[in-house]
Amino acid sequence: MVNGKVFNVFFREKPAMMLVNLKNTKDEIYASNLAKQIDCTYSHVVKILQEMEKAGLINFEKQGRLKLLTLTKKGQEVAEHIDSIRVSL
């Protein structure tokens, strides 16, 4: 997968794919789902998500004990750019 390797030169794969997966999902998504989708530990995903929240890219919406993840407008735009770059490589 040469394209993936080139993409990883420019982007850290897991955080970039987290945003892309959030953008492309049609269902509600939680940190635990996202961790499985990108083959990453839950604790690592949560740490990255907290940084993304500070940067204004995502929101956590509490639903009972779970936190639903949603992209902000800024997060949606960044995810679209990352995804288009990934596809063009």
PDB file of N, CA and C in Angstrom:
ATOM      1  N   MET A   1       0.847  -1.191   0.000  1.00  0.00           N
ATOM      2  CA  MET A   1       0.000   0.000   0.000  1.00  0.00           C
ATOM      3  C   MET A   1       0.886   1.246   0.000  1.00  0.00           C
ATOM      4  N   VAL A   2       1.448   1.534  -1.116  1.00  0.00           N
ATOM      5  CA  VAL A   2       2.369   2.666  -1.258  1.00  0.00           C
ATOM      6  C   VAL A   2       1.680   3.982  -0.920  1.00  0.00           C
ATOM      7  N   ASN A   3       0.447   4.161  -1.383  1.00  0.00           N
ATOM      8  CA  ASN A   3      -0.268   5.417  -1.124  1.00  0.00           C
ATOM      9  C   ASN A   3      -0.391   5.699   0.364  1.00  0.00           C
ATOM     10  N   GLY A   4      -0.704   4.666   1.139  1.00  0.00           N
ATOM     11  CA  GLY A   4      -0.824   4.827   2.579  1.00  0.00           C
ATOM     12  C   GLY A   4       0.482   5.264   3.210  1.00  0.00           C
ATOM     13  N   LYS A   5       1.589   4.722   2.713  1.00  0.00           N
ATOM     14  CA  LYS A   5       2.898   5.094   3.251  1.00  0.00           C
ATOM     15  C   LYS A   5       3.214   6.549   2.953  1.00  0.00           C
ATOM     16  N   VAL A   6       2.892   7.005   1.765  1.00  0.00           N
ATOM     17  CA  VAL A   6       3.128   8.409   1.410  1.00  0.00           C
ATOM     18  C   VAL A   6       2.256   9.311   2.279  1.00  0.00           C
ATOM     19  N   PHE A   7       1.009   8.932   2.468  1.00  0.00           N
ATOM     20  CA  PHE A   7       0.100   9.695   3.323  1.00  0.00           C
ATOM     21  C   PHE A   7       0.678   9.822   4.731  1.00  0.00           C
ATOM     22  N   ASN A   8       1.231   8.720   5.242  1.00  0.00           N
ATOM     23  CA  ASN A   8       1.771   8.718   6.605  1.00  0.00           C
ATOM     24  C   ASN A   8       3.021   9.573   6.750  1.00  0.00           C
ATOM     25  N   VAL A   9       3.669   9.887   5.646  1.00  0.00           N
ATOM     26  CA  VAL A   9       4.808  10.799   5.679  1.00  0.00           C
ATOM     27  C   VAL A   9       4.333  12.195   6.081  1.00  0.00           C
ATOM     28  N   PHE A  10       3.158  12.582   5.610  1.00  0.00           N
ATOM     29  CA  PHE A  10       2.633  13.923   5.854  1.00  0.00           C
ATOM     30  C   PHE A  10       1.733  14.028   7.078  1.00  0.00           C
ATOM     31  N   PHE A  11       1.081  12.950   7.419  1.00  0.00           N
ATOM     32  CA  PHE A  11       0.109  12.956   8.518  1.00  0.00           C
ATOM     33  C   PHE A  11       0.377  11.807   9.473  1.00  0.00           C
ATOM     34  N   ARG A  12       0.087  12.011  10.729  1.00  0.00           N
ATOM     35  CA  ARG A  12       0.071  10.893  11.664  1.00  0.00           C
ATOM     36  C   ARG A  12      -1.205  10.117  11.360  1.00  0.00           C
ATOM     37  N   GLU A  13      -1.035   8.859  11.065  1.00  0.00           N
ATOM     38  CA  GLU A  13      -2.141   8.058  10.542  1.00  0.00           C
ATOM     39  C   GLU A  13      -3.356   7.999  11.463  1.00  0.00           C
ATOM     40  N   LYS A  14      -3.173   7.661  12.720  1.00  0.00           N
ATOM     41  CA  LYS A  14      -4.318   7.441  13.619  1.00  0.00           C
ATOM     42  C   LYS A  14      -5.165   8.708  13.813  1.00  0.00           C
ATOM     43  N   PRO A  15      -4.559   9.847  14.181  1.00  0.00           N
ATOM     44  CA  PRO A  15      -5.391  11.051  14.339  1.00  0.00           C
ATOM     45  C   PRO A  15      -6.088  11.464  13.042  1.00  0.00           C
ATOM     46  N   ALA A  16      -5.381  11.375  11.922  1.00  0.00           N
ATOM     47  CA  ALA A  16      -5.989  11.743  10.647  1.00  0.00           C
ATOM     48  C   ALA A  16      -7.166  10.828  10.331  1.00  0.00           C
ATOM     49  N   MET A  17      -6.987   9.526  10.554  1.00  0.00           N
ATOM     50  CA  MET A  17      -8.061   8.578  10.245  1.00  0.00           C
ATOM     51  C   MET A  17      -9.219   8.704  11.225  1.00  0.00           C
ATOM     52  N   MET A  18      -8.939   9.167  12.435  1.00  0.00           N
ATOM     53  CA  MET A  18     -10.031   9.410  13.383  1.00  0.00           C
ATOM     54  C   MET A  18     -10.967  10.469  12.823  1.00  0.00           C
ATOM     55  N   LEU A  19     -10.412  11.574  12.336  1.00  0.00           N
ATOM     56  CA  LEU A  19     -11.249  12.637  11.771  1.00  0.00           C
ATOM     57  C   LEU A  19     -11.985  12.158  10.531  1.00  0.00           C
ATOM     58  N   VAL A  20     -11.292  11.430   9.658  1.00  0.00           N
ATOM     59  CA  VAL A  20     -11.920  10.929   8.430  1.00  0.00           C
ATOM     60  C   VAL A  20     -13.056   9.965   8.771  1.00  0.00           C
ATOM     61  N   ASN A  21     -12.827   9.076   9.726  1.00  0.00           N
ATOM     62  CA  ASN A  21     -13.882   8.132  10.125  1.00  0.00           C
ATOM     63  C   ASN A  21     -15.076   8.860  10.733  1.00  0.00           C
ATOM     64  N   LEU A  22     -14.819   9.876  11.534  1.00  0.00           N
ATOM     65  CA  LEU A  22     -15.920  10.667  12.099  1.00  0.00           C
ATOM     66  C   LEU A  22     -16.714  11.348  10.985  1.00  0.00           C
ATOM     67  N   LYS A  23     -16.003  11.831   9.986  1.00  0.00           N
ATOM     68  CA  LYS A  23     -16.668  12.499   8.857  1.00  0.00           C
ATOM     69  C   LYS A  23     -17.518  11.521   8.063  1.00  0.00           C
ATOM     70  N   ASN A  24     -17.009  10.328   7.851  1.00  0.00           N
ATOM     71  CA  ASN A  24     -17.673   9.368   6.967  1.00  0.00           C
ATOM     72  C   ASN A  24     -18.739   8.504   7.641  1.00  0.00           C
ATOM     73  N   THR A  25     -18.814   8.528   8.960  1.00  0.00           N
ATOM     74  CA  THR A  25     -19.780   7.671   9.647  1.00  0.00           C
ATOM     75  C   THR A  25     -21.196   8.212   9.510  1.00  0.00           C
ATOM     76  N   LYS A  26     -22.126   7.306   9.349  1.00  0.00           N
ATOM     77  CA  LYS A  26     -23.533   7.694   9.287  1.00  0.00           C
ATOM     78  C   LYS A  26     -24.233   7.409  10.622  1.00  0.00           C
ATOM     79  N   ASP A  27     -23.591   6.620  11.465  1.00  0.00           N
ATOM     80  CA  ASP A  27     -24.168   6.229  12.752  1.00  0.00           C
ATOM     81  C   ASP A  27     -23.584   7.080  13.870  1.00  0.00           C
ATOM     82  N   GLU A  28     -24.203   6.970  15.047  1.00  0.00           N
ATOM     83  CA  GLU A  28     -23.618   7.605  16.217  1.00  0.00           C
ATOM     84  C   GLU A  28     -22.315   6.885  16.514  1.00  0.00           C
ATOM     85  N   ILE A  29     -21.324   7.622  16.956  1.00  0.00           N
ATOM     86  CA  ILE A  29     -20.024   7.004  17.219  1.00  0.00           C
ATOM     87  C   ILE A  29     -19.472   7.473  18.559  1.00  0.00           C
ATOM     88  N   TYR A  30     -18.865   6.529  19.237  1.00  0.00           N
ATOM     89  CA  TYR A  30     -18.264   6.772  20.551  1.00  0.00           C
ATOM     90  C   TYR A  30     -16.780   6.451  20.453  1.00  0.00           C
ATOM     91  N   ALA A  31     -16.010   6.879  21.440  1.00  0.00           N
ATOM     92  CA  ALA A  31     -14.563   6.647  21.436  1.00  0.00           C
ATOM     93  C   ALA A  31     -14.236   5.162  21.306  1.00  0.00           C
ATOM     94  N   SER A  32     -15.007   4.306  21.967  1.00  0.00           N
ATOM     95  CA  SER A  32     -14.724   2.863  21.902  1.00  0.00           C
ATOM     96  C   SER A  32     -14.923   2.324  20.484  1.00  0.00           C
ATOM     97  N   ASN A  33     -15.975   2.781  19.775  1.00  0.00           N
ATOM     98  CA  ASN A  33     -16.191   2.371  18.380  1.00  0.00           C
ATOM     99  C   ASN A  33     -15.034   2.845  17.511  1.00  0.00           C
ATOM    100  N   LEU A  34     -14.659   4.088  17.706  1.00  0.00           N
ATOM    101  CA  LEU A  34     -13.604   4.695  16.902  1.00  0.00           C
ATOM    102  C   LEU A  34     -12.281   3.953  17.108  1.00  0.00           C
ATOM    103  N   ALA A  35     -11.992   3.578  18.343  1.00  0.00           N
ATOM    104  CA  ALA A  35     -10.759   2.837  18.642  1.00  0.00           C
ATOM    105  C   ALA A  35     -10.720   1.533  17.856  1.00  0.00           C
ATOM    106  N   LYS A  36     -11.844   0.837  17.786  1.00  0.00           N
ATOM    107  CA  LYS A  36     -11.905  -0.417  17.034  1.00  0.00           C
ATOM    108  C   LYS A  36     -11.738  -0.167  15.543  1.00  0.00           C
ATOM    109  N   GLN A  37     -12.374   0.877  15.028  1.00  0.00           N
ATOM    110  CA  GLN A  37     -12.318   1.174  13.597  1.00  0.00           C
ATOM    111  C   GLN A  37     -10.901   1.458  13.117  1.00  0.00           C
ATOM    112  N   ILE A  38     -10.112   2.137  13.932  1.00  0.00           N
ATOM    113  CA  ILE A  38      -8.768   2.509  13.494  1.00  0.00           C
ATOM    114  C   ILE A  38      -7.691   1.624  14.119  1.00  0.00           C
ATOM    115  N   ASP A  39      -8.113   0.570  14.820  1.00  0.00           N
ATOM    116  CA  ASP A  39      -7.194  -0.386  15.431  1.00  0.00           C
ATOM    117  C   ASP A  39      -6.204   0.319  16.357  1.00  0.00           C
ATOM    118  N   CYS A  40      -6.769   0.936  17.380  1.00  0.00           N
ATOM    119  CA  CYS A  40      -5.981   1.721  18.320  1.00  0.00           C
ATOM    120  C   CYS A  40      -6.547   1.469  19.719  1.00  0.00           C
ATOM    121  N   THR A  41      -5.741   1.700  20.746  1.00  0.00           N
ATOM    122  CA  THR A  41      -6.256   1.502  22.097  1.00  0.00           C
ATOM    123  C   THR A  41      -7.232   2.617  22.464  1.00  0.00           C
ATOM    124  N   TYR A  42      -8.178   2.274  23.316  1.00  0.00           N
ATOM    125  CA  TYR A  42      -9.183   3.235  23.766  1.00  0.00           C
ATOM    126  C   TYR A  42      -8.508   4.441  24.429  1.00  0.00           C
ATOM    127  N   SER A  43      -7.530   4.187  25.300  1.00  0.00           N
ATOM    128  CA  SER A  43      -6.899   5.288  26.033  1.00  0.00           C
ATOM    129  C   SER A  43      -6.154   6.239  25.091  1.00  0.00           C
ATOM    130  N   HIS A  44      -5.527   5.691  24.054  1.00  0.00           N
ATOM    131  CA  HIS A  44      -4.833   6.540  23.078  1.00  0.00           C
ATOM    132  C   HIS A  44      -5.834   7.393  22.299  1.00  0.00           C
ATOM    133  N   VAL A  45      -6.944   6.782  21.910  1.00  0.00           N
ATOM    134  CA  VAL A  45      -7.994   7.508  21.174  1.00  0.00           C
ATOM    135  C   VAL A  45      -8.540   8.643  22.025  1.00  0.00           C
ATOM    136  N   VAL A  46      -8.822   8.387  23.283  1.00  0.00           N
ATOM    137  CA  VAL A  46      -9.375   9.415  24.167  1.00  0.00           C
ATOM    138  C   VAL A  46      -8.394  10.569  24.326  1.00  0.00           C
ATOM    139  N   LYS A  47      -7.108  10.253  24.455  1.00  0.00           N
ATOM    140  CA  LYS A  47      -6.084  11.298  24.596  1.00  0.00           C
ATOM    141  C   LYS A  47      -6.063  12.199  23.353  1.00  0.00           C
ATOM    142  N   ILE A  48      -6.104  11.586  22.172  1.00  0.00           N
ATOM    143  CA  ILE A  48      -6.112  12.355  20.921  1.00  0.00           C
ATOM    144  C   ILE A  48      -7.405  13.162  20.804  1.00  0.00           C
ATOM    145  N   LEU A  49      -8.531  12.551  21.154  1.00  0.00           N
ATOM    146  CA  LEU A  49      -9.818  13.243  21.080  1.00  0.00           C
ATOM    147  C   LEU A  49      -9.852  14.463  21.996  1.00  0.00           C
ATOM    148  N   GLN A  50      -9.243  14.372  23.155  1.00  0.00           N
ATOM    149  CA  GLN A  50      -9.193  15.514  24.069  1.00  0.00           C
ATOM    150  C   GLN A  50      -8.416  16.673  23.445  1.00  0.00           C
ATOM    151  N   GLU A  51      -7.333  16.362  22.755  1.00  0.00           N
ATOM    152  CA  GLU A  51      -6.561  17.401  22.059  1.00  0.00           C
ATOM    153  C   GLU A  51      -7.385  18.001  20.915  1.00  0.00           C
ATOM    154  N   MET A  52      -8.118  17.144  20.200  1.00  0.00           N
ATOM    155  CA  MET A  52      -8.961  17.623  19.106  1.00  0.00           C
ATOM    156  C   MET A  52     -10.080  18.512  19.633  1.00  0.00           C
ATOM    157  N   GLU A  53     -10.608  18.173  20.800  1.00  0.00           N
ATOM    158  CA  GLU A  53     -11.654  19.003  21.405  1.00  0.00           C
ATOM    159  C   GLU A  53     -11.086  20.375  21.767  1.00  0.00           C
ATOM    160  N   LYS A  54      -9.889  20.409  22.339  1.00  0.00           N
ATOM    161  CA  LYS A  54      -9.233  21.684  22.681  1.00  0.00           C
ATOM    162  C   LYS A  54      -8.997  22.541  21.439  1.00  0.00           C
ATOM    163  N   ALA A  55      -8.733  21.862  20.308  1.00  0.00           N
ATOM    164  CA  ALA A  55      -8.472  22.573  19.047  1.00  0.00           C
ATOM    165  C   ALA A  55      -9.767  22.970  18.337  1.00  0.00           C
ATOM    166  N   GLY A  56     -10.909  22.606  18.913  1.00  0.00           N
ATOM    167  CA  GLY A  56     -12.186  22.986  18.326  1.00  0.00           C
ATOM    168  C   GLY A  56     -12.604  22.132  17.134  1.00  0.00           C
ATOM    169  N   LEU A  57     -12.087  20.897  17.061  1.00  0.00           N
ATOM    170  CA  LEU A  57     -12.405  20.025  15.929  1.00  0.00           C
ATOM    171  C   LEU A  57     -13.570  19.075  16.205  1.00  0.00           C
ATOM    172  N   ILE A  58     -13.739  18.701  17.470  1.00  0.00           N
ATOM    173  CA  ILE A  58     -14.820  17.772  17.817  1.00  0.00           C
ATOM    174  C   ILE A  58     -15.539  18.240  19.069  1.00  0.00           C
ATOM    175  N   ASN A  59     -16.727  17.667  19.268  1.00  0.00           N
ATOM    176  CA  ASN A  59     -17.494  17.866  20.494  1.00  0.00           C
ATOM    177  C   ASN A  59     -17.779  16.511  21.113  1.00  0.00           C
ATOM    178  N   PHE A  60     -17.797  16.479  22.439  1.00  0.00           N
ATOM    179  CA  PHE A  60     -18.271  15.315  23.177  1.00  0.00           C
ATOM    180  C   PHE A  60     -19.677  15.653  23.648  1.00  0.00           C
ATOM    181  N   GLU A  61     -20.645  14.803  23.348  1.00  0.00           N
ATOM    182  CA  GLU A  61     -22.020  14.986  23.803  1.00  0.00           C
ATOM    183  C   GLU A  61     -22.341  13.854  24.751  1.00  0.00           C
ATOM    184  N   LYS A  62     -22.556  14.166  26.020  1.00  0.00           N
ATOM    185  CA  LYS A  62     -22.815  13.122  27.000  1.00  0.00           C
ATOM    186  C   LYS A  62     -24.192  12.512  26.790  1.00  0.00           C
ATOM    187  N   GLN A  63     -24.223  11.177  26.683  1.00  0.00           N
ATOM    188  CA  GLN A  63     -25.480  10.428  26.600  1.00  0.00           C
ATOM    189  C   GLN A  63     -25.409   9.324  27.633  1.00  0.00           C
ATOM    190  N   GLY A  64     -25.946   9.617  28.816  1.00  0.00           N
ATOM    191  CA  GLY A  64     -25.816   8.667  29.911  1.00  0.00           C
ATOM    192  C   GLY A  64     -24.354   8.556  30.301  1.00  0.00           C
ATOM    193  N   ARG A  65     -23.843   7.320  30.319  1.00  0.00           N
ATOM    194  CA  ARG A  65     -22.432   7.108  30.666  1.00  0.00           C
ATOM    195  C   ARG A  65     -21.521   7.289  29.468  1.00  0.00           C
ATOM    196  N   LEU A  66     -22.079   7.336  28.273  1.00  0.00           N
ATOM    197  CA  LEU A  66     -21.292   7.409  27.052  1.00  0.00           C
ATOM    198  C   LEU A  66     -21.178   8.847  26.551  1.00  0.00           C
ATOM    199  N   LYS A  67     -20.130   9.097  25.782  1.00  0.00           N
ATOM    200  CA  LYS A  67     -19.952  10.404  25.159  1.00  0.00           C
ATOM    201  C   LYS A  67     -19.978  10.221  23.651  1.00  0.00           C
ATOM    202  N   LEU A  68     -20.996  10.774  23.033  1.00  0.00           N
ATOM    203  CA  LEU A  68     -21.138  10.736  21.580  1.00  0.00           C
ATOM    204  C   LEU A  68     -20.164  11.745  20.967  1.00  0.00           C
ATOM    205  N   LEU A  69     -19.504  11.339  19.884  1.00  0.00           N
ATOM    206  CA  LEU A  69     -18.542  12.221  19.215  1.00  0.00           C
ATOM    207  C   LEU A  69     -19.177  12.862  17.998  1.00  0.00           C
ATOM    208  N   THR A  70     -18.972  14.152  17.846  1.00  0.00           N
ATOM    209  CA  THR A  70     -19.419  14.847  16.641  1.00  0.00           C
ATOM    210  C   THR A  70     -18.331  15.826  16.209  1.00  0.00           C
ATOM    211  N   LEU A  71     -18.254  16.040  14.917  1.00  0.00           N
ATOM    212  CA  LEU A  71     -17.311  17.025  14.385  1.00  0.00           C
ATOM    213  C   LEU A  71     -17.923  18.419  14.469  1.00  0.00           C
ATOM    214  N   THR A  72     -17.110  19.395  14.758  1.00  0.00           N
ATOM    215  CA  THR A  72     -17.548  20.783  14.666  1.00  0.00           C
ATOM    216  C   THR A  72     -17.477  21.171  13.185  1.00  0.00           C
ATOM    217  N   LYS A  73     -17.915  22.361  12.858  1.00  0.00           N
ATOM    218  CA  LYS A  73     -17.804  22.836  11.476  1.00  0.00           C
ATOM    219  C   LYS A  73     -16.333  22.855  11.056  1.00  0.00           C
ATOM    220  N   LYS A  74     -15.483  23.353  11.923  1.00  0.00           N
ATOM    221  CA  LYS A  74     -14.037  23.379  11.652  1.00  0.00           C
ATOM    222  C   LYS A  74     -13.497  21.954  11.478  1.00  0.00           C
ATOM    223  N   GLY A  75     -13.930  21.037  12.333  1.00  0.00           N
ATOM    224  CA  GLY A  75     -13.501  19.646  12.253  1.00  0.00           C
ATOM    225  C   GLY A  75     -13.934  18.993  10.952  1.00  0.00           C
ATOM    226  N   GLN A  76     -15.151  19.310  10.521  1.00  0.00           N
ATOM    227  CA  GLN A  76     -15.677  18.779   9.258  1.00  0.00           C
ATOM    228  C   GLN A  76     -14.814  19.253   8.093  1.00  0.00           C
ATOM    229  N   GLU A  77     -14.470  20.524   8.087  1.00  0.00           N
ATOM    230  CA  GLU A  77     -13.643  21.090   7.016  1.00  0.00           C
ATOM    231  C   GLU A  77     -12.255  20.450   6.994  1.00  0.00           C
ATOM    232  N   VAL A  78     -11.636  20.317   8.154  1.00  0.00           N
ATOM    233  CA  VAL A  78     -10.306  19.709   8.237  1.00  0.00           C
ATOM    234  C   VAL A  78     -10.363  18.257   7.770  1.00  0.00           C
ATOM    235  N   ALA A  79     -11.383  17.513   8.218  1.00  0.00           N
ATOM    236  CA  ALA A  79     -11.539  16.110   7.835  1.00  0.00           C
ATOM    237  C   ALA A  79     -11.715  15.975   6.321  1.00  0.00           C
ATOM    238  N   GLU A  80     -12.487  16.875   5.718  1.00  0.00           N
ATOM    239  CA  GLU A  80     -12.686  16.833   4.265  1.00  0.00           C
ATOM    240  C   GLU A  80     -11.376  17.061   3.525  1.00  0.00           C
ATOM    241  N   HIS A  81     -10.567  18.001   4.003  1.00  0.00           N
ATOM    242  CA  HIS A  81      -9.255  18.259   3.388  1.00  0.00           C
ATOM    243  C   HIS A  81      -8.349  17.041   3.513  1.00  0.00           C
ATOM    244  N   ILE A  82      -8.287  16.482   4.704  1.00  0.00           N
ATOM    245  CA  ILE A  82      -7.437  15.306   4.939  1.00  0.00           C
ATOM    246  C   ILE A  82      -7.884  14.158   4.037  1.00  0.00           C
ATOM    247  N   ASP A  83      -9.196  13.929   3.966  1.00  0.00           N
ATOM    248  CA  ASP A  83      -9.718  12.830   3.158  1.00  0.00           C
ATOM    249  C   ASP A  83      -9.423  13.033   1.673  1.00  0.00           C
ATOM    250  N   SER A  84      -9.549  14.257   1.190  1.00  0.00           N
ATOM    251  CA  SER A  84      -9.280  14.503  -0.235  1.00  0.00           C
ATOM    252  C   SER A  84      -7.795  14.329  -0.543  1.00  0.00           C
ATOM    253  N   ILE A  85      -6.926  14.711   0.382  1.00  0.00           N
ATOM    254  CA  ILE A  85      -5.487  14.497   0.195  1.00  0.00           C
ATOM    255  C   ILE A  85      -5.189  12.996   0.202  1.00  0.00           C
ATOM    256  N   ARG A  86      -5.785  12.285   1.143  1.00  0.00           N
ATOM    257  CA  ARG A  86      -5.576  10.834   1.248  1.00  0.00           C
ATOM    258  C   ARG A  86      -5.995  10.133  -0.030  1.00  0.00           C
ATOM    259  N   VAL A  87      -7.134  10.514  -0.595  1.00  0.00           N
ATOM    260  CA  VAL A  87      -7.643   9.903  -1.820  1.00  0.00           C
ATOM    261  C   VAL A  87      -6.752  10.244  -3.011  1.00  0.00           C
ATOM    262  N   SER A  88      -6.235  11.477  -3.062  1.00  0.00           N
ATOM    263  CA  SER A  88      -5.420  11.877  -4.211  1.00  0.00           C
ATOM    264  C   SER A  88      -4.026  11.253  -4.191  1.00  0.00           C
ATOM    265  N   LEU A  89      -3.575  10.784  -3.027  1.00  0.00           N
ATOM    266  CA  LEU A  89      -2.276  10.123  -2.951  1.00  0.00           C
ATOM    267  C   LEU A  89      -2.433   8.687  -3.382  1.00  0.00           C
TER     268      LEU A  89
END
